[in-house]
Amino acid sequence: MSEPILELDGLSKVYPGGLKALDDVNLTIRKGEIFALLGPNGAGKTTLIGAVCGLVRPTSGTIRAFGHDLATDWRKARARIGLVPQELSTDMFEPVQRAVAYSRGLFGLAPDPVRIEEILRSLSLWDKKDERIMALSGGMKRRVLIAKALAHEPDLLFLDEPTAGVDVELRKGMWAIIDQMRAKGVTVILTTHYIEEAEEMADRVGIIRKGQLIMVDEKEAMMARLGRTEAHISLASPLTELPPALGQYPVELEEGGASLCYRGGDGTGRGKAEVADITKALIASGIDYTGIDVRESSLEDIFVSLLGEEDEQAA
């Protein structure tokens, strides 16, 4: 198992007025992984990032990055952390190349025009190097934010909603860029509203709600453990009741008996096997069907289901 690069222990943040933005968060991030932090608006994602990046002072708990306690030795750790913020508040009147080079200097690193050119080329920004940031499109401005965060060559990179407001094509371009970062050994933590981003890229997923980390798991393990299969079987003739042969399966009649709906499985393939068994049982019972629509749970289904269960428990 890779070494831990970031460790949060009992991290809490209570703002004046009593708002608890983080509530006893414990989390370990491993070197070289892509970790996706999912949660609704106001769940605490940006506060957590701010605490690690020195923008928010925790109320209690400890943060260790690269073996350094951020409360006492933050300079050494912070120099190895990059942040791409959610907001596009950057030096709008500066040319792209100069702004990115300046960000490198902020961390005390010597100028390195070759490295800056490499970063800008990797983000398809080299042809925009002399343009003022204010003249760029929203997607290009966001790429500049990533370039600025990479200028000091961080080992740990936070991306707070990196593709918010970016069209689908640019979003996929961003995914490719993040993949390149991982290939170079950069550890990436991202927050996102687009759950397909987490499904596409993340090694592990954490779900945060009301400041509490309610689940952290390997993405594949989470989908296997919490995933479900849903199948809709269109019947040739409506049924008034389920045939006895289907009594052992989680099925019910829908659309006035014209459709048979199966919801079951566990994300390991059992659901598909049961759907096959159901079709065999239908044929054996002399019941004809005209079509089958089968789908597996996405990470978004699991996310919505988990938040729904939390709300029910709180009610």
Protein backbone atom coordinates (compact mmCIF):
# COMPACT_ATOMS: atom_id res chain seq x y z
CA MET A 1 0.00 0.00 0.00
CA SER A 2 1.28 3.49 -0.86
CA GLU A 3 2.50 5.76 1.91
CA PRO A 4 0.06 8.32 3.34
CA ILE A 5 0.60 11.78 1.92
CA LEU A 6 -2.17 13.52 3.87
CA GLU A 7 -3.75 12.58 7.22
CA LEU A 8 -6.74 14.32 8.79
CA ASP A 9 -7.52 13.35 12.37
CA GLY A 10 -10.66 14.60 14.13
CA LEU A 11 -10.82 17.69 11.91
CA SER A 12 -13.65 20.06 12.85
CA LYS A 13 -14.56 23.61 11.93
CA VAL A 14 -17.29 25.61 13.67
CA TYR A 15 -17.91 29.12 12.35
CA PRO A 16 -19.10 32.02 14.52
CA GLY A 17 -22.84 31.59 14.93
CA GLY A 18 -22.53 27.85 15.45
CA LEU A 19 -22.41 26.53 11.87
CA LYS A 20 -20.47 23.26 11.97
CA ALA A 21 -18.83 23.03 8.54
CA LEU A 22 -16.63 20.04 9.42
CA ASP A 23 -17.53 17.49 12.08
CA ASP A 24 -14.77 15.14 13.28
CA VAL A 25 -13.40 14.23 9.83
CA ASN A 26 -10.83 11.43 9.66
CA LEU A 27 -9.20 10.74 6.31
CA THR A 28 -5.94 9.35 4.94
CA ILE A 29 -4.89 10.03 1.35
CA ARG A 30 -2.30 7.78 -0.25
CA LYS A 31 0.52 8.90 -2.52
CA GLY A 32 -0.36 8.83 -6.22
CA GLU A 33 -4.11 8.28 -5.91
CA ILE A 34 -7.00 10.29 -7.30
CA PHE A 35 -9.53 10.86 -4.54
CA ALA A 36 -12.97 12.31 -5.31
CA LEU A 37 -14.88 14.09 -2.55
CA LEU A 38 -18.60 14.14 -3.30
CA GLY A 39 -21.34 15.98 -1.47
CA PRO A 40 -24.19 18.44 -1.92
CA ASN A 41 -23.69 22.22 -1.72
CA GLY A 42 -22.76 23.26 1.80
CA ALA A 43 -21.56 19.78 2.77
CA GLY A 44 -18.08 21.00 3.77
CA LYS A 45 -16.00 20.16 0.69
CA THR A 46 -14.50 23.62 0.17
CA THR A 47 -13.96 24.11 3.92
CA LEU A 48 -11.98 20.86 4.06
CA ILE A 49 -9.79 21.97 1.17
CA GLY A 50 -9.36 25.41 2.73
CA ALA A 51 -8.23 23.85 6.02
CA VAL A 52 -5.50 21.83 4.30
CA CYS A 53 -4.37 24.75 2.11
CA GLY A 54 -4.13 27.20 5.02
CA LEU A 55 -7.16 29.30 4.03
CA VAL A 56 -9.36 28.12 6.93
CA ARG A 57 -8.24 27.69 10.53
CA PRO A 58 -9.68 24.45 11.98
CA THR A 59 -11.48 24.59 15.32
CA SER A 60 -9.99 21.26 16.39
CA GLY A 61 -8.17 18.24 15.03
CA THR A 62 -4.85 17.79 13.26
CA ILE A 63 -3.66 17.87 9.64
CA ARG A 64 -0.43 16.15 8.63
CA ALA A 65 0.89 16.52 5.09
CA PHE A 66 4.13 14.83 3.97
CA GLY A 67 4.80 14.06 7.63
CA HIS A 68 4.54 17.72 8.71
CA ASP A 69 1.96 18.97 11.21
CA LEU A 70 0.33 21.93 9.46
CA ALA A 71 -0.31 23.70 12.77
CA THR A 72 3.42 24.00 13.52
CA ASP A 73 5.30 23.36 10.30
CA TRP A 74 2.98 24.55 7.56
CA ARG A 75 5.54 26.26 5.30
CA LYS A 76 7.34 23.06 4.27
CA ALA A 77 4.09 21.22 3.62
CA ARG A 78 2.29 24.09 1.88
CA ALA A 79 5.11 24.44 -0.66
CA ARG A 80 4.23 20.94 -1.90
CA ILE A 81 0.48 21.56 -2.17
CA GLY A 82 -1.28 23.10 -5.17
CA LEU A 83 -4.82 24.46 -5.25
CA VAL A 84 -7.13 25.12 -8.18
CA PRO A 85 -9.93 27.12 -6.52
CA GLN A 86 -13.57 27.07 -7.51
CA GLU A 87 -13.76 30.80 -8.10
CA LEU A 88 -12.17 32.43 -11.15
CA SER A 89 -10.78 35.39 -9.20
CA THR A 90 -7.32 35.66 -10.71
CA ASP A 91 -5.05 38.43 -12.01
CA MET A 92 -7.27 39.21 -15.00
CA PHE A 93 -5.11 41.97 -16.51
CA GLU A 94 -1.91 39.88 -16.59
CA PRO A 95 -0.76 37.94 -19.68
CA VAL A 96 -1.06 34.20 -19.18
CA GLN A 97 2.65 33.32 -19.21
CA ARG A 98 3.62 36.08 -16.78
CA ALA A 99 0.83 35.16 -14.34
CA VAL A 100 1.86 31.51 -14.28
CA ALA A 101 5.55 32.36 -13.85
CA TYR A 102 4.68 34.73 -11.00
CA SER A 103 2.83 31.92 -9.19
CA ARG A 104 6.04 29.87 -9.28
CA GLY A 105 7.99 32.74 -7.76
CA LEU A 106 5.50 33.05 -4.90
CA PHE A 107 6.82 29.75 -3.57
CA GLY A 108 10.44 30.89 -3.70
CA LEU A 109 11.37 28.83 -6.76
CA ALA A 110 13.83 30.10 -9.32
CA PRO A 111 12.44 31.14 -12.71
CA ASP A 112 12.16 28.23 -15.13
CA PRO A 113 10.81 29.35 -18.53
CA VAL A 114 11.20 25.83 -19.95
CA ARG A 115 9.01 24.34 -17.21
CA ILE A 116 6.40 27.10 -17.61
CA GLU A 117 6.28 26.48 -21.37
CA GLU A 118 5.87 22.74 -20.74
CA ILE A 119 2.92 23.38 -18.40
CA LEU A 120 1.25 25.81 -20.79
CA ARG A 121 1.68 23.43 -23.74
CA SER A 122 0.23 20.51 -21.76
CA LEU A 123 -2.87 22.62 -21.07
CA SER A 124 -3.14 23.88 -24.68
CA LEU A 125 -2.40 27.42 -23.48
CA TRP A 126 0.89 28.11 -25.23
CA ASP A 127 -0.73 29.95 -28.14
CA LYS A 128 -2.50 32.15 -25.55
CA LYS A 129 0.65 32.92 -23.54
CA ASP A 130 0.68 36.63 -24.36
CA GLU A 131 -3.07 37.21 -24.04
CA ARG A 132 -4.53 38.84 -20.97
CA ILE A 133 -6.46 36.38 -18.83
CA MET A 134 -9.58 38.56 -19.01
CA ALA A 135 -9.76 37.97 -22.78
CA LEU A 136 -9.95 34.17 -22.45
CA SER A 137 -13.05 31.97 -22.43
CA GLY A 138 -14.29 30.49 -19.16
CA GLY A 139 -12.75 27.10 -19.95
CA MET A 140 -9.38 28.65 -20.79
CA LYS A 141 -9.42 30.74 -17.60
CA ARG A 142 -9.92 27.55 -15.63
CA ARG A 143 -6.94 26.02 -17.43
CA VAL A 144 -4.88 29.04 -16.38
CA LEU A 145 -5.87 28.35 -12.76
CA ILE A 146 -4.57 24.80 -13.17
CA ALA A 147 -1.35 26.09 -14.76
CA LYS A 148 -0.81 28.49 -11.84
CA ALA A 149 -1.35 25.65 -9.37
CA LEU A 150 1.16 23.45 -11.22
CA ALA A 151 3.80 26.18 -11.58
CA HIS A 152 5.56 25.28 -8.32
CA GLU A 153 5.41 21.54 -9.12
CA PRO A 154 3.23 20.35 -6.22
CA ASP A 155 3.08 16.74 -5.09
CA LEU A 156 -0.50 17.11 -3.85
CA LEU A 157 -3.06 18.97 -5.96
CA PHE A 158 -6.54 20.07 -4.89
CA LEU A 159 -9.10 20.70 -7.62
CA ASP A 160 -12.24 22.36 -6.26
CA GLU A 161 -14.99 21.88 -8.87
CA PRO A 162 -12.42 21.96 -11.71
CA THR A 163 -14.95 21.68 -14.53
CA ALA A 164 -17.82 23.78 -13.16
CA GLY A 165 -19.31 25.77 -16.02
CA VAL A 166 -17.12 24.04 -18.61
CA ASP A 167 -18.67 22.35 -21.65
CA VAL A 168 -18.51 18.58 -22.12
CA GLU A 169 -15.60 18.65 -24.59
CA LEU A 170 -13.43 20.78 -22.34
CA ARG A 171 -14.44 18.65 -19.36
CA LYS A 172 -13.08 15.55 -21.07
CA GLY A 173 -9.92 17.50 -21.85
CA MET A 174 -9.59 18.27 -18.14
CA TRP A 175 -9.94 14.58 -17.33
CA ALA A 176 -7.04 13.84 -19.68
CA ILE A 177 -4.93 16.52 -17.97
CA ILE A 178 -5.66 15.03 -14.54
CA ASP A 179 -4.66 11.60 -15.88
CA GLN A 180 -1.35 13.09 -17.02
CA MET A 181 -0.78 14.51 -13.53
CA ARG A 182 -1.37 11.10 -11.97
CA ALA A 183 1.09 9.54 -14.45
CA LYS A 184 3.72 12.00 -13.17
CA GLY A 185 3.09 10.90 -9.57
CA VAL A 186 0.95 13.85 -8.45
CA THR A 187 -1.71 12.98 -5.87
CA VAL A 188 -5.03 14.58 -6.80
CA ILE A 189 -8.02 15.38 -4.59
CA LEU A 190 -11.02 16.76 -6.43
CA THR A 191 -14.48 17.89 -5.48
CA THR A 192 -17.13 17.76 -8.16
CA HIS A 193 -20.83 18.10 -8.86
CA TYR A 194 -20.38 15.91 -11.93
CA ILE A 195 -20.43 12.45 -10.43
CA GLU A 196 -19.45 10.89 -13.76
CA GLU A 197 -16.09 12.62 -13.21
CA ALA A 198 -15.54 10.60 -10.06
CA GLU A 199 -16.75 7.46 -11.80
CA GLU A 200 -14.39 8.10 -14.71
CA MET A 201 -11.22 8.94 -12.82
CA ALA A 202 -11.20 8.34 -9.08
CA ASP A 203 -9.47 5.46 -7.32
CA ARG A 204 -11.38 6.17 -4.11
CA VAL A 205 -14.50 8.14 -3.31
CA GLY A 206 -15.52 9.93 -0.14
CA ILE A 207 -19.06 11.15 0.47
CA ILE A 208 -19.47 14.12 2.79
CA ARG A 209 -22.75 15.45 4.17
CA LYS A 210 -23.31 18.20 6.75
CA GLY A 211 -19.60 18.22 7.55
CA GLN A 212 -19.41 14.48 8.21
CA LEU A 213 -17.59 11.97 6.04
CA ILE A 214 -20.30 9.32 5.85
CA MET A 215 -18.41 6.89 3.60
CA VAL A 216 -14.94 6.39 2.11
CA ASP A 217 -14.15 3.41 -0.07
CA GLU A 218 -12.42 2.21 -3.21
CA LYS A 219 -14.68 3.22 -6.09
CA GLU A 220 -14.97 -0.32 -7.47
CA ALA A 221 -15.64 -1.78 -4.00
CA MET A 222 -18.32 0.84 -3.31
CA MET A 223 -20.06 0.09 -6.59
CA ALA A 224 -19.83 -3.66 -6.01
CA ARG A 225 -21.15 -3.42 -2.45
CA LEU A 226 -23.91 -0.86 -3.00
CA GLY A 227 -24.67 -1.26 -6.70
CA ARG A 228 -27.92 -2.72 -7.97
CA THR A 229 -29.34 -4.12 -11.20
CA GLU A 230 -32.65 -2.82 -12.54
CA ALA A 231 -34.47 -4.58 -15.37
CA HIS A 232 -37.77 -3.81 -17.10
CA ILE A 233 -39.27 -6.70 -19.04
CA SER A 234 -42.02 -5.73 -21.50
CA LEU A 235 -44.68 -8.47 -21.57
CA ALA A 236 -46.51 -9.51 -24.72
CA SER A 237 -49.79 -9.63 -22.77
CA PRO A 238 -50.54 -7.90 -19.41
CA LEU A 239 -50.59 -10.02 -16.25
CA THR A 240 -52.99 -9.58 -13.33
CA GLU A 241 -50.64 -11.26 -10.87
CA LEU A 242 -47.10 -12.58 -10.66
CA PRO A 243 -46.63 -16.24 -11.65
CA PRO A 244 -45.60 -18.49 -8.70
CA ALA A 245 -42.27 -19.27 -10.40
CA LEU A 246 -41.17 -15.65 -9.79
CA GLY A 247 -42.03 -15.58 -6.10
CA GLN A 248 -38.39 -15.85 -5.00
CA TYR A 249 -37.22 -12.81 -6.98
CA PRO A 250 -37.53 -9.07 -6.15
CA VAL A 251 -39.97 -8.34 -8.99
CA GLU A 252 -43.25 -6.45 -9.29
CA LEU A 253 -45.73 -5.67 -12.01
CA GLU A 254 -45.84 -2.13 -13.38
CA GLU A 255 -47.74 -0.23 -16.12
CA GLY A 256 -50.98 -2.07 -15.45
CA GLY A 257 -49.31 -5.47 -15.61
CA ALA A 258 -47.68 -4.81 -19.00
CA SER A 259 -44.17 -4.62 -17.55
CA LEU A 260 -42.26 -6.69 -15.03
CA CYS A 261 -39.68 -4.75 -13.01
CA TYR A 262 -36.71 -6.36 -11.26
CA ARG A 263 -34.63 -4.44 -8.71
CA GLY A 264 -31.95 -6.48 -7.00
CA GLY A 265 -28.44 -7.84 -7.17
CA ASP A 266 -25.47 -6.46 -5.31
CA GLY A 267 -23.19 -5.03 -7.94
CA THR A 268 -21.27 -8.31 -8.33
CA GLY A 269 -23.17 -9.62 -11.35
CA ARG A 270 -25.77 -11.55 -9.37
CA GLY A 271 -28.50 -9.23 -10.65
CA LYS A 272 -27.84 -10.05 -14.29
CA ALA A 273 -27.82 -13.77 -13.49
CA GLU A 274 -31.19 -13.43 -11.74
CA VAL A 275 -32.65 -11.51 -14.69
CA ALA A 276 -31.59 -14.41 -16.95
CA ASP A 277 -33.25 -16.86 -14.55
CA ILE A 278 -36.44 -14.75 -14.56
CA THR A 279 -36.66 -14.83 -18.36
CA LYS A 280 -36.25 -18.62 -18.31
CA ALA A 281 -39.00 -18.87 -15.67
CA LEU A 282 -41.30 -16.72 -17.83
CA ILE A 283 -40.77 -18.96 -20.84
CA ALA A 284 -41.31 -22.10 -18.73
CA SER A 285 -44.57 -20.58 -17.48
CA GLY A 286 -45.74 -19.89 -21.04
CA ILE A 287 -45.45 -16.11 -20.64
CA ASP A 288 -44.07 -14.27 -23.68
CA TYR A 289 -42.12 -11.00 -23.53
CA THR A 290 -41.16 -8.50 -26.21
CA GLY A 291 -38.15 -6.71 -24.76
CA ILE A 292 -35.74 -6.34 -21.82
CA ASP A 293 -34.03 -3.15 -20.63
CA VAL A 294 -31.25 -3.83 -18.07
CA ARG A 295 -29.09 -1.23 -16.36
CA GLU A 296 -26.54 -1.30 -13.56
CA SER A 297 -26.34 1.34 -10.84
CA SER A 298 -24.02 4.22 -11.53
CA LEU A 299 -22.01 5.93 -8.83
CA GLU A 300 -24.62 8.70 -9.00
CA ASP A 301 -27.40 6.23 -8.13
CA ILE A 302 -25.40 5.10 -5.10
CA PHE A 303 -24.65 8.69 -4.07
CA VAL A 304 -28.31 9.75 -4.29
CA SER A 305 -29.40 6.61 -2.43
CA LEU A 306 -26.91 7.18 0.39
CA LEU A 307 -27.93 10.81 0.88
CA GLY A 308 -31.59 9.76 0.83
CA GLU A 309 -30.98 7.17 3.54
CA GLU A 310 -29.15 9.75 5.66
CA ASP A 311 -32.09 12.14 5.34
CA GLU A 312 -34.56 9.42 6.33
CA GLN A 313 -32.49 8.55 9.41
CA ALA A 314 -32.33 12.22 10.40
CA ALA A 315 -36.10 12.66 10.04
